[in-house]
């Protein structure tokens, strides 16, 4: 009885996934931050000394637009969210310059920098 709403939502997500599919877009913000697709692997340059190779699971398809936008598609909403979250956590947006990997439409709370000497 307590799980009725949960079961209904999960079933609805499955139906929507099979009929229209789920999409998630990630944006890379920052100088030199770029992504490219090599087979079933996402290669990300995120300002570290090395490129990050992220293997995509079978259920998730990715396309890269103009090197700074990653479109993820899947019929499994849970798996899609998990993959998007893992990619975002490789370089989450920072509050001072807003650089990093963010979801499309995500608002980053910005902070003022140091005041400096007067």
PDB file of N, CA and C in Angstrom:
ATOM      1  N   UNK A   1       0.818  -1.191   0.000  1.00  0.00           N
ATOM      2  CA  UNK A   1       0.000   0.000   0.000  1.00  0.00           C
ATOM      3  C   UNK A   1       0.871   1.268   0.000  1.00  0.00           C
ATOM      4  N   UNK A   2       1.899   1.263   0.838  1.00  0.00           N
ATOM      5  CA  UNK A   2       2.762   2.448   0.931  1.00  0.00           C
ATOM      6  C   UNK A   2       3.576   2.652  -0.350  1.00  0.00           C
ATOM      7  N   UNK A   3       3.835   1.590  -1.080  1.00  0.00           N
ATOM      8  CA  UNK A   3       4.667   1.678  -2.281  1.00  0.00           C
ATOM      9  C   UNK A   3       3.844   1.879  -3.559  1.00  0.00           C
ATOM     10  N   UNK A   4       2.548   2.098  -3.420  1.00  0.00           N
ATOM     11  CA  UNK A   4       1.673   2.212  -4.596  1.00  0.00           C
ATOM     12  C   UNK A   4       2.110   3.363  -5.511  1.00  0.00           C
ATOM     13  N   UNK A   5       2.321   4.538  -4.934  1.00  0.00           N
ATOM     14  CA  UNK A   5       2.716   5.714  -5.725  1.00  0.00           C
ATOM     15  C   UNK A   5       4.075   5.520  -6.373  1.00  0.00           C
ATOM     16  N   UNK A   6       5.001   4.909  -5.625  1.00  0.00           N
ATOM     17  CA  UNK A   6       6.347   4.661  -6.149  1.00  0.00           C
ATOM     18  C   UNK A   6       6.291   3.711  -7.340  1.00  0.00           C
ATOM     19  N   UNK A   7       5.558   2.620  -7.180  1.00  0.00           N
ATOM     20  CA  UNK A   7       5.433   1.631  -8.254  1.00  0.00           C
ATOM     21  C   UNK A   7       4.801   2.264  -9.493  1.00  0.00           C
ATOM     22  N   UNK A   8       3.781   3.113  -9.266  1.00  0.00           N
ATOM     23  CA  UNK A   8       3.117   3.791 -10.370  1.00  0.00           C
ATOM     24  C   UNK A   8       4.094   4.708 -11.112  1.00  0.00           C
ATOM     25  N   UNK A   9       4.906   5.466 -10.364  1.00  0.00           N
ATOM     26  CA  UNK A   9       5.867   6.390 -10.975  1.00  0.00           C
ATOM     27  C   UNK A   9       6.933   5.621 -11.758  1.00  0.00           C
ATOM     28  N   UNK A  10       7.438   4.532 -11.188  1.00  0.00           N
ATOM     29  CA  UNK A  10       8.460   3.731 -11.876  1.00  0.00           C
ATOM     30  C   UNK A  10       7.911   3.133 -13.167  1.00  0.00           C
ATOM     31  N   UNK A  11       6.664   2.644 -13.104  1.00  0.00           N
ATOM     32  CA  UNK A  11       6.024   2.078 -14.291  1.00  0.00           C
ATOM     33  C   UNK A  11       5.831   3.165 -15.357  1.00  0.00           C
ATOM     34  N   UNK A  12       5.402   4.344 -14.914  1.00  0.00           N
ATOM     35  CA  UNK A  12       5.207   5.473 -15.835  1.00  0.00           C
ATOM     36  C   UNK A  12       6.527   5.838 -16.509  1.00  0.00           C
ATOM     37  N   UNK A  13       7.635   5.872 -15.721  1.00  0.00           N
ATOM     38  CA  UNK A  13       8.953   6.182 -16.287  1.00  0.00           C
ATOM     39  C   UNK A  13       9.372   5.149 -17.323  1.00  0.00           C
ATOM     40  N   UNK A  14       9.047   3.877 -17.076  1.00  0.00           N
ATOM     41  CA  UNK A  14       9.363   2.817 -18.041  1.00  0.00           C
ATOM     42  C   UNK A  14       8.583   3.017 -19.337  1.00  0.00           C
ATOM     43  N   UNK A  15       7.293   3.329 -19.207  1.00  0.00           N
ATOM     44  CA  UNK A  15       6.433   3.518 -20.388  1.00  0.00           C
ATOM     45  C   UNK A  15       6.916   4.713 -21.212  1.00  0.00           C
ATOM     46  N   UNK A  16       7.191   5.836 -20.542  1.00  0.00           N
ATOM     47  CA  UNK A  16       7.673   7.024 -21.247  1.00  0.00           C
ATOM     48  C   UNK A  16       9.032   6.726 -21.898  1.00  0.00           C
ATOM     49  N   UNK A  17       9.892   5.994 -21.186  1.00  0.00           N
ATOM     50  CA  UNK A  17      11.212   5.653 -21.712  1.00  0.00           C
ATOM     51  C   UNK A  17      11.122   4.864 -23.001  1.00  0.00           C
ATOM     52  N   UNK A  18      10.234   3.884 -23.032  1.00  0.00           N
ATOM     53  CA  UNK A  18      10.103   3.043 -24.225  1.00  0.00           C
ATOM     54  C   UNK A  18       9.426   3.809 -25.354  1.00  0.00           C
ATOM     55  N   UNK A  19       8.431   4.645 -25.027  1.00  0.00           N
ATOM     56  CA  UNK A  19       7.697   5.338 -26.092  1.00  0.00           C
ATOM     57  C   UNK A  19       8.464   6.538 -26.655  1.00  0.00           C
ATOM     58  N   UNK A  20       8.967   7.432 -25.789  1.00  0.00           N
ATOM     59  CA  UNK A  20       9.660   8.621 -26.312  1.00  0.00           C
ATOM     60  C   UNK A  20      11.129   8.678 -25.945  1.00  0.00           C
ATOM     61  N   UNK A  21      11.532   8.003 -24.873  1.00  0.00           N
ATOM     62  CA  UNK A  21      12.927   8.028 -24.437  1.00  0.00           C
ATOM     63  C   UNK A  21      13.206   9.221 -23.539  1.00  0.00           C
ATOM     64  N   UNK A  22      14.272   9.138 -22.765  1.00  0.00           N
ATOM     65  CA  UNK A  22      14.661  10.215 -21.854  1.00  0.00           C
ATOM     66  C   UNK A  22      15.910  10.883 -22.396  1.00  0.00           C
ATOM     67  N   UNK A  23      16.017  12.199 -22.187  1.00  0.00           N
ATOM     68  CA  UNK A  23      17.175  12.958 -22.655  1.00  0.00           C
ATOM     69  C   UNK A  23      17.716  13.807 -21.514  1.00  0.00           C
ATOM     70  N   UNK A  24      19.037  14.008 -21.526  1.00  0.00           N
ATOM     71  CA  UNK A  24      19.672  14.873 -20.549  1.00  0.00           C
ATOM     72  C   UNK A  24      20.822  15.557 -21.260  1.00  0.00           C
ATOM     73  N   UNK A  25      20.974  16.867 -21.070  1.00  0.00           N
ATOM     74  CA  UNK A  25      22.066  17.589 -21.728  1.00  0.00           C
ATOM     75  C   UNK A  25      23.005  18.170 -20.672  1.00  0.00           C
ATOM     76  N   UNK A  26      24.302  17.948 -20.903  1.00  0.00           N
ATOM     77  CA  UNK A  26      25.339  18.503 -20.032  1.00  0.00           C
ATOM     78  C   UNK A  26      26.112  19.555 -20.799  1.00  0.00           C
ATOM     79  N   UNK A  27      26.507  20.618 -20.106  1.00  0.00           N
ATOM     80  CA  UNK A  27      27.282  21.682 -20.729  1.00  0.00           C
ATOM     81  C   UNK A  27      28.639  21.782 -20.058  1.00  0.00           C
ATOM     82  N   UNK A  28      29.694  21.949 -20.857  1.00  0.00           N
ATOM     83  CA  UNK A  28      31.039  22.139 -20.324  1.00  0.00           C
ATOM     84  C   UNK A  28      31.358  23.623 -20.381  1.00  0.00           C
ATOM     85  N   UNK A  29      31.592  24.229 -19.225  1.00  0.00           N
ATOM     86  CA  UNK A  29      31.868  25.653 -19.147  1.00  0.00           C
ATOM     87  C   UNK A  29      33.295  25.835 -18.659  1.00  0.00           C
ATOM     88  N   UNK A  30      34.127  26.522 -19.448  1.00  0.00           N
ATOM     89  CA  UNK A  30      35.503  26.762 -19.043  1.00  0.00           C
ATOM     90  C   UNK A  30      36.427  26.733 -20.248  1.00  0.00           C
ATOM     91  N   UNK A  31      37.526  27.456 -20.164  1.00  0.00           N
ATOM     92  CA  UNK A  31      38.467  27.534 -21.262  1.00  0.00           C
ATOM     93  C   UNK A  31      39.153  26.180 -21.439  1.00  0.00           C
ATOM     94  N   UNK A  32      39.106  25.636 -22.646  1.00  0.00           N
ATOM     95  CA  UNK A  32      39.770  24.372 -22.945  1.00  0.00           C
ATOM     96  C   UNK A  32      38.999  23.137 -22.509  1.00  0.00           C
ATOM     97  N   UNK A  33      37.791  23.327 -21.951  1.00  0.00           N
ATOM     98  CA  UNK A  33      36.990  22.167 -21.567  1.00  0.00           C
ATOM     99  C   UNK A  33      36.280  21.662 -22.815  1.00  0.00           C
ATOM    100  N   UNK A  34      36.530  20.396 -23.175  1.00  0.00           N
ATOM    101  CA  UNK A  34      35.863  19.848 -24.358  1.00  0.00           C
ATOM    102  C   UNK A  34      35.625  18.365 -24.214  1.00  0.00           C
ATOM    103  N   UNK A  35      34.709  17.890 -25.037  1.00  0.00           N
ATOM    104  CA  UNK A  35      34.355  16.471 -25.018  1.00  0.00           C
ATOM    105  C   UNK A  35      34.367  15.935 -26.433  1.00  0.00           C
ATOM    106  N   UNK A  36      34.700  14.657 -26.572  1.00  0.00           N
ATOM    107  CA  UNK A  36      34.568  13.990 -27.868  1.00  0.00           C
ATOM    108  C   UNK A  36      34.210  12.536 -27.642  1.00  0.00           C
ATOM    109  N   UNK A  37      33.587  11.970 -28.658  1.00  0.00           N
ATOM    110  CA  UNK A  37      33.113  10.598 -28.566  1.00  0.00           C
ATOM    111  C   UNK A  37      34.034   9.701 -29.378  1.00  0.00           C
ATOM    112  N   UNK A  38      34.570   8.651 -28.737  1.00  0.00           N
ATOM    113  CA  UNK A  38      35.383   7.669 -29.456  1.00  0.00           C
ATOM    114  C   UNK A  38      34.756   6.310 -29.228  1.00  0.00           C
ATOM    115  N   UNK A  39      33.968   5.860 -30.186  1.00  0.00           N
ATOM    116  CA  UNK A  39      33.266   4.591 -30.040  1.00  0.00           C
ATOM    117  C   UNK A  39      32.245   4.685 -28.915  1.00  0.00           C
ATOM    118  N   UNK A  40      32.342   3.763 -27.943  1.00  0.00           N
ATOM    119  CA  UNK A  40      31.426   3.780 -26.798  1.00  0.00           C
ATOM    120  C   UNK A  40      32.089   4.437 -25.587  1.00  0.00           C
ATOM    121  N   UNK A  41      33.004   5.382 -25.856  1.00  0.00           N
ATOM    122  CA  UNK A  41      33.740   6.026 -24.779  1.00  0.00           C
ATOM    123  C   UNK A  41      33.707   7.538 -24.965  1.00  0.00           C
ATOM    124  N   UNK A  42      33.498   8.241 -23.873  1.00  0.00           N
ATOM    125  CA  UNK A  42      33.489   9.695 -23.881  1.00  0.00           C
ATOM    126  C   UNK A  42      34.858  10.155 -23.406  1.00  0.00           C
ATOM    127  N   UNK A  43      35.552  10.975 -24.213  1.00  0.00           N
ATOM    128  CA  UNK A  43      36.859  11.491 -23.825  1.00  0.00           C
ATOM    129  C   UNK A  43      36.681  12.954 -23.451  1.00  0.00           C
ATOM    130  N   UNK A  44      36.980  13.285 -22.185  1.00  0.00           N
ATOM    131  CA  UNK A  44      36.735  14.623 -21.658  1.00  0.00           C
ATOM    132  C   UNK A  44      38.039  15.312 -21.285  1.00  0.00           C
ATOM    133  N   UNK A  45      38.218  16.545 -21.753  1.00  0.00           N
ATOM    134  CA  UNK A  45      39.333  17.383 -21.308  1.00  0.00           C
ATOM    135  C   UNK A  45      38.737  18.415 -20.362  1.00  0.00           C
ATOM    136  N   UNK A  46      39.040  18.274 -19.078  1.00  0.00           N
ATOM    137  CA  UNK A  46      38.401  19.132 -18.074  1.00  0.00           C
ATOM    138  C   UNK A  46      39.416  19.910 -17.248  1.00  0.00           C
ATOM    139  N   UNK A  47      40.542  20.283 -17.876  1.00  0.00           N
ATOM    140  CA  UNK A  47      41.506  21.114 -17.181  1.00  0.00           C
ATOM    141  C   UNK A  47      42.463  20.347 -16.288  1.00  0.00           C
ATOM    142  N   UNK A  48      42.360  19.026 -16.270  1.00  0.00           N
ATOM    143  CA  UNK A  48      43.332  18.240 -15.516  1.00  0.00           C
ATOM    144  C   UNK A  48      44.546  17.993 -16.412  1.00  0.00           C
ATOM    145  N   UNK A  49      45.579  17.395 -15.862  1.00  0.00           N
ATOM    146  CA  UNK A  49      46.795  17.140 -16.641  1.00  0.00           C
ATOM    147  C   UNK A  49      46.598  15.997 -17.635  1.00  0.00           C
ATOM    148  N   UNK A  50      45.471  15.298 -17.536  1.00  0.00           N
ATOM    149  CA  UNK A  50      45.200  14.160 -18.411  1.00  0.00           C
ATOM    150  C   UNK A  50      43.750  14.218 -18.895  1.00  0.00           C
ATOM    151  N   UNK A  51      43.473  13.521 -19.993  1.00  0.00           N
ATOM    152  CA  UNK A  51      42.100  13.385 -20.464  1.00  0.00           C
ATOM    153  C   UNK A  51      41.412  12.298 -19.650  1.00  0.00           C
ATOM    154  N   UNK A  52      40.110  12.437 -19.487  1.00  0.00           N
ATOM    155  CA  UNK A  52      39.336  11.447 -18.752  1.00  0.00           C
ATOM    156  C   UNK A  52      38.563  10.605 -19.757  1.00  0.00           C
ATOM    157  N   UNK A  53      38.735   9.291 -19.691  1.00  0.00           N
ATOM    158  CA  UNK A  53      38.021   8.364 -20.568  1.00  0.00           C
ATOM    159  C   UNK A  53      36.868   7.768 -19.770  1.00  0.00           C
ATOM    160  N   UNK A  54      35.635   8.085 -20.179  1.00  0.00           N
ATOM    161  CA  UNK A  54      34.458   7.593 -19.468  1.00  0.00           C
ATOM    162  C   UNK A  54      33.723   6.591 -20.361  1.00  0.00           C
ATOM    163  N   UNK A  55      33.763   5.291 -20.003  1.00  0.00           N
ATOM    164  CA  UNK A  55      33.050   4.297 -20.814  1.00  0.00           C
ATOM    165  C   UNK A  55      31.540   4.410 -20.603  1.00  0.00           C
ATOM    166  N   UNK A  56      30.788   4.479 -21.693  1.00  0.00           N
ATOM    167  CA  UNK A  56      29.334   4.600 -21.587  1.00  0.00           C
ATOM    168  C   UNK A  56      28.699   3.217 -21.454  1.00  0.00           C
ATOM    169  N   UNK A  57      27.706   3.071 -20.574  1.00  0.00           N
ATOM    170  CA  UNK A  57      27.004   1.793 -20.473  1.00  0.00           C
ATOM    171  C   UNK A  57      26.174   1.518 -21.732  1.00  0.00           C
ATOM    172  N   UNK A  58      25.796   0.256 -21.919  1.00  0.00           N
ATOM    173  CA  UNK A  58      25.040  -0.153 -23.106  1.00  0.00           C
ATOM    174  C   UNK A  58      23.740   0.631 -23.264  1.00  0.00           C
ATOM    175  N   UNK A  59      23.059   0.909 -22.152  1.00  0.00           N
ATOM    176  CA  UNK A  59      21.725   1.508 -22.196  1.00  0.00           C
ATOM    177  C   UNK A  59      21.733   2.990 -22.573  1.00  0.00           C
ATOM    178  N   UNK A  60      22.903   3.631 -22.531  1.00  0.00           N
ATOM    179  CA  UNK A  60      22.959   5.084 -22.730  1.00  0.00           C
ATOM    180  C   UNK A  60      23.698   5.426 -24.018  1.00  0.00           C
ATOM    181  N   UNK A  61      23.072   6.297 -24.839  1.00  0.00           N
ATOM    182  CA  UNK A  61      23.700   6.793 -26.062  1.00  0.00           C
ATOM    183  C   UNK A  61      24.089   8.252 -25.835  1.00  0.00           C
ATOM    184  N   UNK A  62      25.228   8.642 -26.385  1.00  0.00           N
ATOM    185  CA  UNK A  62      25.675  10.024 -26.237  1.00  0.00           C
ATOM    186  C   UNK A  62      26.002  10.623 -27.590  1.00  0.00           C
ATOM    187  N   UNK A  63      25.739  11.923 -27.718  1.00  0.00           N
ATOM    188  CA  UNK A  63      26.188  12.673 -28.889  1.00  0.00           C
ATOM    189  C   UNK A  63      26.822  13.960 -28.369  1.00  0.00           C
ATOM    190  N   UNK A  64      27.876  14.411 -29.038  1.00  0.00           N
ATOM    191  CA  UNK A  64      28.572  15.620 -28.613  1.00  0.00           C
ATOM    192  C   UNK A  64      28.353  16.695 -29.671  1.00  0.00           C
ATOM    193  N   UNK A  65      27.828  17.838 -29.226  1.00  0.00           N
ATOM    194  CA  UNK A  65      27.616  18.972 -30.131  1.00  0.00           C
ATOM    195  C   UNK A  65      28.647  20.049 -29.807  1.00  0.00           C
ATOM    196  N   UNK A  66      29.208  20.653 -30.786  1.00  0.00           N
ATOM    197  CA  UNK A  66      30.255  21.698 -30.716  1.00  0.00           C
ATOM    198  C   UNK A  66      31.199  21.573 -29.511  1.00  0.00           C
ATOM    199  N   UNK A  67      31.590  20.359 -29.181  1.00  0.00           N
ATOM    200  CA  UNK A  67      32.615  20.030 -28.179  1.00  0.00           C
ATOM    201  C   UNK A  67      32.306  20.466 -26.749  1.00  0.00           C
ATOM    202  N   UNK A  68      31.248  21.240 -26.535  1.00  0.00           N
ATOM    203  CA  UNK A  68      30.961  21.678 -25.165  1.00  0.00           C
ATOM    204  C   UNK A  68      29.594  21.234 -24.673  1.00  0.00           C
ATOM    205  N   UNK A  69      28.836  20.537 -25.501  1.00  0.00           N
ATOM    206  CA  UNK A  69      27.524  20.047 -25.081  1.00  0.00           C
ATOM    207  C   UNK A  69      27.456  18.540 -25.292  1.00  0.00           C
ATOM    208  N   UNK A  70      27.032  17.826 -24.258  1.00  0.00           N
ATOM    209  CA  UNK A  70      26.896  16.373 -24.346  1.00  0.00           C
ATOM    210  C   UNK A  70      25.418  16.035 -24.193  1.00  0.00           C
ATOM    211  N   UNK A  71      24.835  15.399 -25.217  1.00  0.00           N
ATOM    212  CA  UNK A  71      23.450  14.946 -25.145  1.00  0.00           C
ATOM    213  C   UNK A  71      23.435  13.469 -24.802  1.00  0.00           C
ATOM    214  N   UNK A  72      22.775  13.113 -23.713  1.00  0.00           N
ATOM    215  CA  UNK A  72      22.654  11.718 -23.309  1.00  0.00           C
ATOM    216  C   UNK A  72      21.221  11.271 -23.542  1.00  0.00           C
ATOM    217  N   UNK A  73      21.037  10.074 -24.099  1.00  0.00           N
ATOM    218  CA  UNK A  73      19.705   9.531 -24.347  1.00  0.00           C
ATOM    219  C   UNK A  73      19.648   8.098 -23.854  1.00  0.00           C
ATOM    220  N   UNK A  74      18.482   7.721 -23.294  1.00  0.00           N
ATOM    221  CA  UNK A  74      18.304   6.361 -22.815  1.00  0.00           C
ATOM    222  C   UNK A  74      16.825   6.082 -22.626  1.00  0.00           C
ATOM    223  N   UNK A  75      16.473   4.798 -22.572  1.00  0.00           N
ATOM    224  CA  UNK A  75      15.089   4.460 -22.234  1.00  0.00           C
ATOM    225  C   UNK A  75      14.958   4.259 -20.719  1.00  0.00           C
ATOM    226  N   UNK A  76      16.103   4.153 -20.021  1.00  0.00           N
ATOM    227  CA  UNK A  76      16.115   3.935 -18.579  1.00  0.00           C
ATOM    228  C   UNK A  76      16.443   5.248 -17.867  1.00  0.00           C
ATOM    229  N   UNK A  77      15.422   5.862 -17.256  1.00  0.00           N
ATOM    230  CA  UNK A  77      15.600   7.168 -16.625  1.00  0.00           C
ATOM    231  C   UNK A  77      16.608   7.124 -15.487  1.00  0.00           C
ATOM    232  N   UNK A  78      16.568   6.057 -14.704  1.00  0.00           N
ATOM    233  CA  UNK A  78      17.456   5.930 -13.546  1.00  0.00           C
ATOM    234  C   UNK A  78      18.923   5.835 -13.990  1.00  0.00           C
ATOM    235  N   UNK A  79      19.181   5.004 -14.982  1.00  0.00           N
ATOM    236  CA  UNK A  79      20.546   4.823 -15.504  1.00  0.00           C
ATOM    237  C   UNK A  79      21.061   6.119 -16.138  1.00  0.00           C
ATOM    238  N   UNK A  80      20.169   6.819 -16.852  1.00  0.00           N
ATOM    239  CA  UNK A  80      20.531   8.085 -17.490  1.00  0.00           C
ATOM    240  C   UNK A  80      20.951   9.117 -16.439  1.00  0.00           C
ATOM    241  N   UNK A  81      20.159   9.235 -15.381  1.00  0.00           N
ATOM    242  CA  UNK A  81      20.475  10.179 -14.307  1.00  0.00           C
ATOM    243  C   UNK A  81      21.789   9.836 -13.625  1.00  0.00           C
ATOM    244  N   UNK A  82      22.034   8.533 -13.440  1.00  0.00           N
ATOM    245  CA  UNK A  82      23.266   8.061 -12.801  1.00  0.00           C
ATOM    246  C   UNK A  82      24.488   8.437 -13.642  1.00  0.00           C
ATOM    247  N   UNK A  83      24.416   8.178 -14.952  1.00  0.00           N
ATOM    248  CA  UNK A  83      25.535   8.484 -15.853  1.00  0.00           C
ATOM    249  C   UNK A  83      25.778   9.997 -15.900  1.00  0.00           C
ATOM    250  N   UNK A  84      24.694  10.780 -16.024  1.00  0.00           N
ATOM    251  CA  UNK A  84      24.813  12.241 -16.075  1.00  0.00           C
ATOM    252  C   UNK A  84      25.467  12.765 -14.791  1.00  0.00           C
ATOM    253  N   UNK A  85      25.064  12.204 -13.661  1.00  0.00           N
ATOM    254  CA  UNK A  85      25.610  12.620 -12.383  1.00  0.00           C
ATOM    255  C   UNK A  85      27.097  12.269 -12.260  1.00  0.00           C
ATOM    256  N   UNK A  86      27.478  11.076 -12.733  1.00  0.00           N
ATOM    257  CA  UNK A  86      28.882  10.668 -12.668  1.00  0.00           C
ATOM    258  C   UNK A  86      29.755  11.575 -13.533  1.00  0.00           C
ATOM    259  N   UNK A  87      29.261  11.943 -14.723  1.00  0.00           N
ATOM    260  CA  UNK A  87      30.027  12.835 -15.603  1.00  0.00           C
ATOM    261  C   UNK A  87      30.145  14.219 -14.961  1.00  0.00           C
ATOM    262  N   UNK A  88      29.054  14.706 -14.378  1.00  0.00           N
ATOM    263  CA  UNK A  88      29.069  16.023 -13.734  1.00  0.00           C
ATOM    264  C   UNK A  88      30.050  16.035 -12.561  1.00  0.00           C
ATOM    265  N   UNK A  89      30.116  14.937 -11.822  1.00  0.00           N
ATOM    266  CA  UNK A  89      30.986  14.880 -10.650  1.00  0.00           C
ATOM    267  C   UNK A  89      32.479  14.807 -10.994  1.00  0.00           C
ATOM    268  N   UNK A  90      32.812  14.606 -12.280  1.00  0.00           N
ATOM    269  CA  UNK A  90      34.216  14.629 -12.680  1.00  0.00           C
ATOM    270  C   UNK A  90      34.790  16.040 -12.514  1.00  0.00           C
ATOM    271  N   UNK A  91      33.941  17.059 -12.678  1.00  0.00           N
ATOM    272  CA  UNK A  91      34.348  18.457 -12.498  1.00  0.00           C
ATOM    273  C   UNK A  91      33.085  19.283 -12.257  1.00  0.00           C
ATOM    274  N   UNK A  92      32.553  19.258 -11.015  1.00  0.00           N
ATOM    275  CA  UNK A  92      31.324  20.008 -10.747  1.00  0.00           C
ATOM    276  C   UNK A  92      31.560  21.518 -10.862  1.00  0.00           C
ATOM    277  N   UNK A  93      30.530  22.293 -11.176  1.00  0.00           N
ATOM    278  CA  UNK A  93      30.706  23.737 -11.338  1.00  0.00           C
ATOM    279  C   UNK A  93      31.189  24.370 -10.033  1.00  0.00           C
ATOM    280  N   UNK A  94      32.162  25.263 -10.138  1.00  0.00           N
ATOM    281  CA  UNK A  94      32.644  25.907  -8.923  1.00  0.00           C
ATOM    282  C   UNK A  94      32.010  27.283  -8.769  1.00  0.00           C
ATOM    283  N   UNK A  95      31.864  27.756  -7.522  1.00  0.00           N
ATOM    284  CA  UNK A  95      31.049  28.946  -7.265  1.00  0.00           C
ATOM    285  C   UNK A  95      31.702  30.281  -7.619  1.00  0.00           C
ATOM    286  N   UNK A  96      33.014  30.312  -7.907  1.00  0.00           N
ATOM    287  CA  UNK A  96      33.667  31.587  -8.156  1.00  0.00           C
ATOM    288  C   UNK A  96      33.642  31.995  -9.624  1.00  0.00           C
ATOM    289  N   UNK A  97      33.986  31.078 -10.509  1.00  0.00           N
ATOM    290  CA  UNK A  97      33.963  31.398 -11.942  1.00  0.00           C
ATOM    291  C   UNK A  97      32.866  30.649 -12.682  1.00  0.00           C
ATOM    292  N   UNK A  98      32.276  29.651 -12.031  1.00  0.00           N
ATOM    293  CA  UNK A  98      31.212  28.876 -12.667  1.00  0.00           C
ATOM    294  C   UNK A  98      31.727  27.837 -13.659  1.00  0.00           C
ATOM    295  N   UNK A  99      33.048  27.558 -13.610  1.00  0.00           N
ATOM    296  CA  UNK A  99      33.616  26.573 -14.531  1.00  0.00           C
ATOM    297  C   UNK A  99      33.274  25.165 -14.073  1.00  0.00           C
ATOM    298  N   UNK A 100      33.112  24.265 -15.040  1.00  0.00           N
ATOM    299  CA  UNK A 100      32.847  22.875 -14.713  1.00  0.00           C
ATOM    300  C   UNK A 100      31.796  22.282 -15.632  1.00  0.00           C
ATOM    301  N   UNK A 101      31.314  21.094 -15.271  1.00  0.00           N
ATOM    302  CA  UNK A 101      30.274  20.406 -16.038  1.00  0.00           C
ATOM    303  C   UNK A 101      28.950  20.644 -15.333  1.00  0.00           C
ATOM    304  N   UNK A 102      27.984  21.194 -16.062  1.00  0.00           N
ATOM    305  CA  UNK A 102      26.685  21.444 -15.437  1.00  0.00           C
ATOM    306  C   UNK A 102      25.558  20.929 -16.317  1.00  0.00           C
ATOM    307  N   UNK A 103      24.407  20.701 -15.688  1.00  0.00           N
ATOM    308  CA  UNK A 103      23.233  20.312 -16.450  1.00  0.00           C
ATOM    309  C   UNK A 103      22.719  21.521 -17.206  1.00  0.00           C
ATOM    310  N   UNK A 104      22.050  21.295 -18.321  1.00  0.00           N
ATOM    311  CA  UNK A 104      21.462  22.405 -19.075  1.00  0.00           C
ATOM    312  C   UNK A 104      20.403  23.088 -18.213  1.00  0.00           C
ATOM    313  N   UNK A 105      20.484  24.394 -18.116  1.00  0.00           N
ATOM    314  CA  UNK A 105      19.487  25.138 -17.339  1.00  0.00           C
ATOM    315  C   UNK A 105      19.776  25.190 -15.849  1.00  0.00           C
ATOM    316  N   UNK A 106      20.863  24.563 -15.407  1.00  0.00           N
ATOM    317  CA  UNK A 106      21.204  24.566 -13.974  1.00  0.00           C
ATOM    318  C   UNK A 106      21.742  25.936 -13.576  1.00  0.00           C
ATOM    319  N   UNK A 107      21.251  26.454 -12.447  1.00  0.00           N
ATOM    320  CA  UNK A 107      21.714  27.738 -11.947  1.00  0.00           C
ATOM    321  C   UNK A 107      22.856  27.487 -10.974  1.00  0.00           C
ATOM    322  N   UNK A 108      23.977  28.160 -11.170  1.00  0.00           N
ATOM    323  CA  UNK A 108      25.125  28.027 -10.282  1.00  0.00           C
ATOM    324  C   UNK A 108      25.143  29.227  -9.342  1.00  0.00           C
ATOM    325  N   UNK A 109      25.122  28.953  -8.035  1.00  0.00           N
ATOM    326  CA  UNK A 109      25.206  30.060  -7.077  1.00  0.00           C
ATOM    327  C   UNK A 109      26.616  30.597  -7.077  1.00  0.00           C
ATOM    328  N   UNK A 110      26.749  31.865  -7.434  1.00  0.00           N
ATOM    329  CA  UNK A 110      28.070  32.475  -7.532  1.00  0.00           C
ATOM    330  C   UNK A 110      28.429  33.169  -6.229  1.00  0.00           C
ATOM    331  N   UNK A 111      29.737  33.210  -5.935  1.00  0.00           N
ATOM    332  CA  UNK A 111      30.241  33.901  -4.751  1.00  0.00           C
ATOM    333  C   UNK A 111      31.153  35.030  -5.198  1.00  0.00           C
ATOM    334  N   UNK A 112      31.234  36.059  -4.377  1.00  0.00           N
ATOM    335  CA  UNK A 112      32.186  37.129  -4.652  1.00  0.00           C
ATOM    336  C   UNK A 112      33.577  36.622  -4.290  1.00  0.00           C
ATOM    337  N   UNK A 113      34.569  37.089  -5.017  1.00  0.00           N
ATOM    338  CA  UNK A 113      35.943  36.682  -4.717  1.00  0.00           C
ATOM    339  C   UNK A 113      36.465  37.442  -3.518  1.00  0.00           C
ATOM    340  N   UNK A 114      37.775  37.376  -3.303  1.00  0.00           N
ATOM    341  CA  UNK A 114      38.368  38.103  -2.191  1.00  0.00           C
ATOM    342  C   UNK A 114      38.232  39.600  -2.444  1.00  0.00           C
ATOM    343  N   UNK A 115      38.085  40.361  -1.373  1.00  0.00           N
ATOM    344  CA  UNK A 115      37.877  41.800  -1.498  1.00  0.00           C
ATOM    345  C   UNK A 115      39.142  42.505  -1.973  1.00  0.00           C
ATOM    346  N   UNK A 116      40.308  42.031  -1.575  1.00  0.00           N
ATOM    347  CA  UNK A 116      41.558  42.665  -1.986  1.00  0.00           C
ATOM    348  C   UNK A 116      41.948  43.794  -1.044  1.00  0.00           C
ATOM    349  N   UNK A 117      43.184  44.260  -1.176  1.00  0.00           N
ATOM    350  CA  UNK A 117      43.670  45.332  -0.291  1.00  0.00           C
ATOM    351  C   UNK A 117      43.143  46.681  -0.752  1.00  0.00           C
ATOM    352  N   UNK A 118      42.960  47.544   0.213  1.00  0.00           N
ATOM    353  CA  UNK A 118      42.477  48.892  -0.114  1.00  0.00           C
ATOM    354  C   UNK A 118      43.549  49.909   0.178  1.00  0.00           C
TER     355      UNK A 118
END
